[in-house]
N, C-alpha and C. Protein backbone atom coordinates (compact mmCIF):
# COMPACT_ATOMS: atom_id res chain seq x y z
N MET A 1 123.03 30.92 62.02
CA MET A 1 121.82 30.13 61.86
C MET A 1 122.16 28.72 61.37
N LYS A 2 123.04 28.63 60.36
CA LYS A 2 123.41 27.32 59.83
C LYS A 2 124.12 26.48 60.89
N LYS A 3 124.93 27.16 61.73
CA LYS A 3 125.64 26.44 62.79
C LYS A 3 124.64 25.84 63.78
N ASN A 4 123.61 26.60 64.11
CA ASN A 4 122.60 26.10 65.05
C ASN A 4 121.83 24.92 64.47
N VAL A 5 121.50 24.98 63.20
CA VAL A 5 120.80 23.87 62.55
C VAL A 5 121.69 22.64 62.50
N ALA A 6 122.95 22.84 62.17
CA ALA A 6 123.89 21.71 62.12
C ALA A 6 124.07 21.10 63.51
N LEU A 7 124.17 21.94 64.53
CA LEU A 7 124.34 21.45 65.89
C LEU A 7 123.10 20.70 66.37
N LEU A 8 121.94 21.25 66.09
CA LEU A 8 120.70 20.57 66.47
C LEU A 8 120.55 19.25 65.73
N THR A 9 120.94 19.22 64.46
CA THR A 9 120.90 17.98 63.68
C THR A 9 121.84 16.94 64.30
N LEU A 10 123.03 17.37 64.70
CA LEU A 10 123.97 16.47 65.36
C LEU A 10 123.39 15.95 66.67
N GLN A 11 122.78 16.82 67.45
CA GLN A 11 122.18 16.42 68.72
C GLN A 11 121.09 15.38 68.52
N ILE A 12 120.25 15.57 67.52
CA ILE A 12 119.17 14.63 67.24
C ILE A 12 119.74 13.28 66.79
N ALA A 13 120.74 13.32 65.93
CA ALA A 13 121.35 12.07 65.44
C ALA A 13 122.02 11.31 66.58
N VAL A 14 122.77 12.01 67.41
CA VAL A 14 123.46 11.37 68.53
C VAL A 14 122.43 10.83 69.53
N ALA A 15 121.38 11.59 69.78
CA ALA A 15 120.33 11.11 70.69
C ALA A 15 119.71 9.82 70.15
N ALA A 16 119.47 9.75 68.86
CA ALA A 16 118.89 8.55 68.26
C ALA A 16 119.83 7.35 68.42
N VAL A 17 121.11 7.57 68.25
CA VAL A 17 122.08 6.49 68.40
C VAL A 17 122.10 6.00 69.85
N PHE A 18 122.05 6.90 70.80
CA PHE A 18 122.07 6.48 72.21
C PHE A 18 120.79 5.75 72.60
N VAL A 19 119.65 6.15 72.05
CA VAL A 19 118.41 5.41 72.31
C VAL A 19 118.54 4.00 71.73
N ALA A 20 119.05 3.92 70.51
CA ALA A 20 119.23 2.61 69.87
C ALA A 20 120.21 1.74 70.64
N ALA A 21 121.19 2.34 71.27
CA ALA A 21 122.17 1.58 72.05
C ALA A 21 121.59 1.15 73.40
N ALA A 22 120.70 1.95 73.96
CA ALA A 22 120.16 1.66 75.29
C ALA A 22 119.06 0.60 75.26
N LEU A 23 118.26 0.58 74.23
CA LEU A 23 117.11 -0.33 74.22
C LEU A 23 117.48 -1.80 74.36
N PRO A 24 118.50 -2.32 73.66
CA PRO A 24 118.87 -3.72 73.88
C PRO A 24 119.35 -4.00 75.31
N LYS A 25 119.95 -3.01 75.94
CA LYS A 25 120.40 -3.18 77.33
C LYS A 25 119.19 -3.32 78.25
N VAL A 26 118.21 -2.45 78.06
CA VAL A 26 117.00 -2.48 78.88
C VAL A 26 116.21 -3.76 78.63
N ALA A 27 116.15 -4.18 77.37
CA ALA A 27 115.38 -5.37 76.99
C ALA A 27 116.05 -6.67 77.43
N GLY A 28 117.31 -6.59 77.84
CA GLY A 28 118.01 -7.80 78.27
C GLY A 28 118.39 -8.72 77.13
N VAL A 29 118.72 -8.11 75.99
CA VAL A 29 119.17 -8.91 74.85
C VAL A 29 120.37 -9.75 75.30
N PRO A 30 120.34 -11.07 75.01
CA PRO A 30 121.40 -11.95 75.52
C PRO A 30 122.82 -11.46 75.27
N MET A 31 123.07 -10.87 74.11
CA MET A 31 124.42 -10.36 73.84
C MET A 31 124.82 -9.28 74.84
N MET A 32 123.87 -8.42 75.20
CA MET A 32 124.16 -7.36 76.17
C MET A 32 124.41 -7.95 77.56
N VAL A 33 123.61 -8.92 77.94
CA VAL A 33 123.78 -9.58 79.23
C VAL A 33 125.17 -10.22 79.30
N GLN A 34 125.55 -10.92 78.25
CA GLN A 34 126.86 -11.58 78.20
C GLN A 34 127.99 -10.56 78.25
N MET A 35 127.82 -9.46 77.51
CA MET A 35 128.86 -8.44 77.47
C MET A 35 129.09 -7.84 78.86
N PHE A 36 128.01 -7.52 79.56
CA PHE A 36 128.15 -6.93 80.89
C PHE A 36 128.61 -7.96 81.91
N ASP A 37 128.26 -9.24 81.69
CA ASP A 37 128.82 -10.31 82.53
C ASP A 37 130.34 -10.36 82.39
N ALA A 38 130.81 -10.22 81.16
CA ALA A 38 132.25 -10.27 80.89
C ALA A 38 132.99 -9.13 81.59
N LEU A 39 132.32 -8.01 81.79
CA LEU A 39 132.96 -6.88 82.47
C LEU A 39 133.16 -7.16 83.95
N GLY A 40 132.31 -8.02 84.52
CA GLY A 40 132.49 -8.44 85.89
C GLY A 40 131.94 -7.51 86.96
N PHE A 41 131.11 -6.55 86.58
CA PHE A 41 130.54 -5.63 87.57
C PHE A 41 129.10 -5.95 87.92
N GLY A 42 128.51 -6.92 87.26
CA GLY A 42 127.11 -7.26 87.50
C GLY A 42 126.18 -6.56 86.52
N GLN A 43 124.94 -7.03 86.52
CA GLN A 43 123.96 -6.50 85.57
C GLN A 43 123.44 -5.11 85.94
N TRP A 44 123.69 -4.68 87.18
CA TRP A 44 123.28 -3.33 87.54
C TRP A 44 123.95 -2.30 86.61
N LEU A 45 125.18 -2.60 86.17
CA LEU A 45 125.89 -1.66 85.30
C LEU A 45 125.20 -1.56 83.94
N ARG A 46 124.63 -2.65 83.47
CA ARG A 46 123.89 -2.62 82.20
C ARG A 46 122.70 -1.68 82.31
N TYR A 47 121.96 -1.80 83.41
CA TYR A 47 120.80 -0.93 83.60
C TYR A 47 121.22 0.53 83.82
N PHE A 48 122.26 0.72 84.58
CA PHE A 48 122.76 2.07 84.85
C PHE A 48 123.23 2.74 83.56
N THR A 49 123.96 1.97 82.74
CA THR A 49 124.43 2.50 81.46
C THR A 49 123.25 2.86 80.57
N ALA A 50 122.26 1.99 80.52
CA ALA A 50 121.07 2.26 79.70
C ALA A 50 120.35 3.50 80.20
N LEU A 51 120.26 3.66 81.52
CA LEU A 51 119.62 4.85 82.09
C LEU A 51 120.36 6.12 81.70
N LEU A 52 121.69 6.08 81.79
CA LEU A 52 122.48 7.25 81.38
C LEU A 52 122.31 7.53 79.90
N GLU A 53 122.28 6.49 79.08
CA GLU A 53 122.13 6.67 77.63
C GLU A 53 120.75 7.23 77.28
N LEU A 54 119.71 6.66 77.87
CA LEU A 54 118.35 7.15 77.58
C LEU A 54 118.13 8.56 78.12
N GLY A 55 118.53 8.78 79.36
CA GLY A 55 118.39 10.12 79.94
C GLY A 55 119.21 11.14 79.18
N GLY A 56 120.44 10.77 78.85
CA GLY A 56 121.29 11.68 78.08
C GLY A 56 120.72 11.99 76.72
N ALA A 57 120.13 10.99 76.08
CA ALA A 57 119.53 11.20 74.76
C ALA A 57 118.39 12.20 74.83
N VAL A 58 117.55 12.07 75.84
CA VAL A 58 116.42 13.00 76.01
C VAL A 58 116.95 14.41 76.28
N LEU A 59 117.94 14.51 77.16
CA LEU A 59 118.45 15.84 77.52
C LEU A 59 119.26 16.49 76.40
N LEU A 60 119.77 15.69 75.47
CA LEU A 60 120.44 16.27 74.31
C LEU A 60 119.48 17.10 73.46
N LEU A 61 118.21 16.81 73.57
CA LEU A 61 117.20 17.52 72.77
C LEU A 61 116.72 18.80 73.43
N VAL A 62 117.22 19.08 74.63
CA VAL A 62 116.89 20.32 75.34
C VAL A 62 118.13 21.21 75.26
N PRO A 63 118.11 22.24 74.42
CA PRO A 63 119.33 23.04 74.20
C PRO A 63 120.02 23.51 75.48
N ALA A 64 119.26 23.91 76.48
CA ALA A 64 119.88 24.41 77.72
C ALA A 64 120.57 23.30 78.51
N LEU A 65 120.19 22.04 78.29
CA LEU A 65 120.77 20.92 79.02
C LEU A 65 121.68 20.06 78.17
N ALA A 66 121.76 20.38 76.89
CA ALA A 66 122.52 19.54 75.96
C ALA A 66 124.00 19.48 76.30
N GLY A 67 124.58 20.57 76.74
CA GLY A 67 126.01 20.60 77.04
C GLY A 67 126.37 19.67 78.18
N ILE A 68 125.64 19.75 79.27
CA ILE A 68 125.94 18.89 80.43
C ILE A 68 125.61 17.44 80.10
N SER A 69 124.54 17.23 79.36
CA SER A 69 124.18 15.88 78.94
C SER A 69 125.28 15.28 78.06
N ALA A 70 125.80 16.08 77.15
CA ALA A 70 126.87 15.60 76.27
C ALA A 70 128.12 15.25 77.07
N LEU A 71 128.41 16.01 78.11
CA LEU A 71 129.57 15.68 78.96
C LEU A 71 129.37 14.35 79.68
N VAL A 72 128.17 14.12 80.19
CA VAL A 72 127.89 12.84 80.86
C VAL A 72 128.01 11.69 79.86
N LEU A 73 127.45 11.88 78.67
CA LEU A 73 127.53 10.83 77.64
C LEU A 73 128.97 10.62 77.19
N ALA A 74 129.77 11.67 77.18
CA ALA A 74 131.19 11.52 76.83
C ALA A 74 131.89 10.62 77.86
N ILE A 75 131.55 10.79 79.12
CA ILE A 75 132.14 9.93 80.16
C ILE A 75 131.71 8.48 79.95
N VAL A 76 130.44 8.28 79.59
CA VAL A 76 129.96 6.93 79.29
C VAL A 76 130.76 6.34 78.14
N MET A 77 131.07 7.15 77.13
CA MET A 77 131.82 6.65 75.98
C MET A 77 133.28 6.35 76.33
N VAL A 78 133.85 7.11 77.24
CA VAL A 78 135.21 6.78 77.71
C VAL A 78 135.17 5.41 78.38
N GLY A 79 134.14 5.16 79.18
CA GLY A 79 133.99 3.85 79.79
C GLY A 79 133.83 2.74 78.76
N ALA A 80 133.06 3.02 77.71
CA ALA A 80 132.87 2.02 76.65
C ALA A 80 134.18 1.74 75.91
N ILE A 81 134.94 2.78 75.65
CA ILE A 81 136.24 2.61 74.97
C ILE A 81 137.16 1.76 75.84
N LEU A 82 137.22 2.07 77.13
CA LEU A 82 138.06 1.29 78.04
C LEU A 82 137.59 -0.16 78.12
N ALA A 83 136.28 -0.36 78.18
CA ALA A 83 135.73 -1.72 78.26
C ALA A 83 136.11 -2.53 77.04
N HIS A 84 135.96 -1.93 75.86
CA HIS A 84 136.31 -2.65 74.63
C HIS A 84 137.81 -2.88 74.51
N THR A 85 138.57 -1.90 74.89
CA THR A 85 140.02 -1.99 74.75
C THR A 85 140.65 -2.95 75.76
N LEU A 86 140.19 -2.90 77.00
CA LEU A 86 140.84 -3.65 78.06
C LEU A 86 140.23 -5.02 78.36
N VAL A 87 138.92 -5.18 78.09
CA VAL A 87 138.25 -6.41 78.52
C VAL A 87 137.57 -7.14 77.37
N LEU A 88 136.72 -6.45 76.64
CA LEU A 88 135.83 -7.10 75.68
C LEU A 88 136.48 -7.44 74.35
N GLY A 89 137.43 -6.63 73.96
CA GLY A 89 137.98 -6.79 72.61
C GLY A 89 137.01 -6.20 71.60
N GLY A 90 137.24 -6.50 70.37
CA GLY A 90 136.38 -5.93 69.33
C GLY A 90 136.72 -4.48 69.07
N SER A 91 135.92 -3.87 68.25
CA SER A 91 136.19 -2.50 67.83
C SER A 91 135.55 -1.48 68.77
N ALA A 92 136.31 -0.46 69.08
CA ALA A 92 135.80 0.66 69.87
C ALA A 92 135.51 1.87 68.99
N VAL A 93 135.49 1.68 67.67
CA VAL A 93 135.34 2.80 66.74
C VAL A 93 134.04 3.55 66.97
N THR A 94 132.94 2.83 67.16
CA THR A 94 131.65 3.51 67.37
C THR A 94 131.71 4.37 68.62
N ALA A 95 132.27 3.85 69.69
CA ALA A 95 132.38 4.62 70.93
C ALA A 95 133.28 5.83 70.75
N ILE A 96 134.34 5.68 69.96
CA ILE A 96 135.25 6.80 69.70
C ILE A 96 134.54 7.89 68.90
N VAL A 97 133.76 7.49 67.90
CA VAL A 97 133.00 8.46 67.10
C VAL A 97 131.98 9.18 67.97
N LEU A 98 131.28 8.42 68.82
CA LEU A 98 130.30 9.04 69.71
C LEU A 98 130.97 9.94 70.74
N LEU A 99 132.15 9.58 71.19
CA LEU A 99 132.90 10.46 72.08
C LEU A 99 133.18 11.79 71.38
N GLY A 100 133.64 11.72 70.15
CA GLY A 100 133.89 12.94 69.39
C GLY A 100 132.64 13.77 69.20
N ALA A 101 131.53 13.11 68.90
CA ALA A 101 130.27 13.83 68.69
C ALA A 101 129.78 14.48 69.97
N THR A 102 129.86 13.75 71.09
CA THR A 102 129.39 14.33 72.35
C THR A 102 130.28 15.48 72.81
N LEU A 103 131.58 15.34 72.60
CA LEU A 103 132.48 16.44 72.96
C LEU A 103 132.25 17.66 72.08
N THR A 104 131.90 17.43 70.82
CA THR A 104 131.58 18.54 69.92
C THR A 104 130.34 19.27 70.41
N ILE A 105 129.32 18.52 70.77
CA ILE A 105 128.09 19.14 71.30
C ILE A 105 128.40 19.89 72.59
N ALA A 106 129.15 19.28 73.49
CA ALA A 106 129.49 19.94 74.75
C ALA A 106 130.24 21.25 74.49
N TRP A 107 131.15 21.22 73.53
CA TRP A 107 131.93 22.42 73.21
C TRP A 107 131.03 23.55 72.69
N PHE A 108 130.15 23.23 71.75
CA PHE A 108 129.32 24.27 71.16
C PHE A 108 128.16 24.70 72.06
N ARG A 109 127.84 23.92 73.07
CA ARG A 109 126.82 24.29 74.05
C ARG A 109 127.44 24.77 75.36
N ARG A 110 128.75 25.00 75.36
CA ARG A 110 129.45 25.34 76.60
C ARG A 110 128.98 26.66 77.21
N ALA A 111 128.46 27.57 76.42
CA ALA A 111 128.01 28.86 76.95
C ALA A 111 126.82 28.68 77.90
N GLN A 112 126.00 27.64 77.67
CA GLN A 112 124.85 27.40 78.53
C GLN A 112 125.20 26.55 79.74
N THR A 113 126.26 25.77 79.67
CA THR A 113 126.59 24.82 80.73
C THR A 113 126.94 25.49 82.06
N PRO A 114 127.78 26.54 82.09
CA PRO A 114 128.13 27.13 83.39
C PRO A 114 126.93 27.65 84.16
N SER A 115 125.91 28.15 83.45
CA SER A 115 124.74 28.69 84.14
C SER A 115 123.99 27.59 84.90
N LEU A 116 124.15 26.35 84.50
CA LEU A 116 123.52 25.24 85.21
C LEU A 116 124.28 24.88 86.48
N VAL A 117 125.57 25.17 86.50
CA VAL A 117 126.43 24.73 87.58
C VAL A 117 126.51 25.77 88.70
N ARG A 118 126.31 27.03 88.40
CA ARG A 118 126.40 28.09 89.41
C ARG A 118 125.40 27.88 90.53
N VAL A 119 125.86 28.18 91.74
CA VAL A 119 124.98 28.06 92.91
C VAL A 119 124.83 29.39 93.56
């Protein structure tokens, strides 16, 4: 029971962080526009990233979908780590922490994930 409460608490906290990260991207905050310009892929990537972050945050709150959502968000965080490390500079610590959190959620929700993938 305590494990489930702790996991759900982690899911809620991580979802809140991803919503907070996505909103400036959607709003077109100048810093976000500049950051995605520096990456060189165009502003579509800013919107796509925000969509993945917002959608992933919502799905983290659905226990049956949290595992797959956490895996998608983990991939987004790998991209963020690479972007900071290879192009943007600055600290990738937040992305690394979120990667750890999303992988933790994916691991503890792994029992539900295969049932979503079976055809």
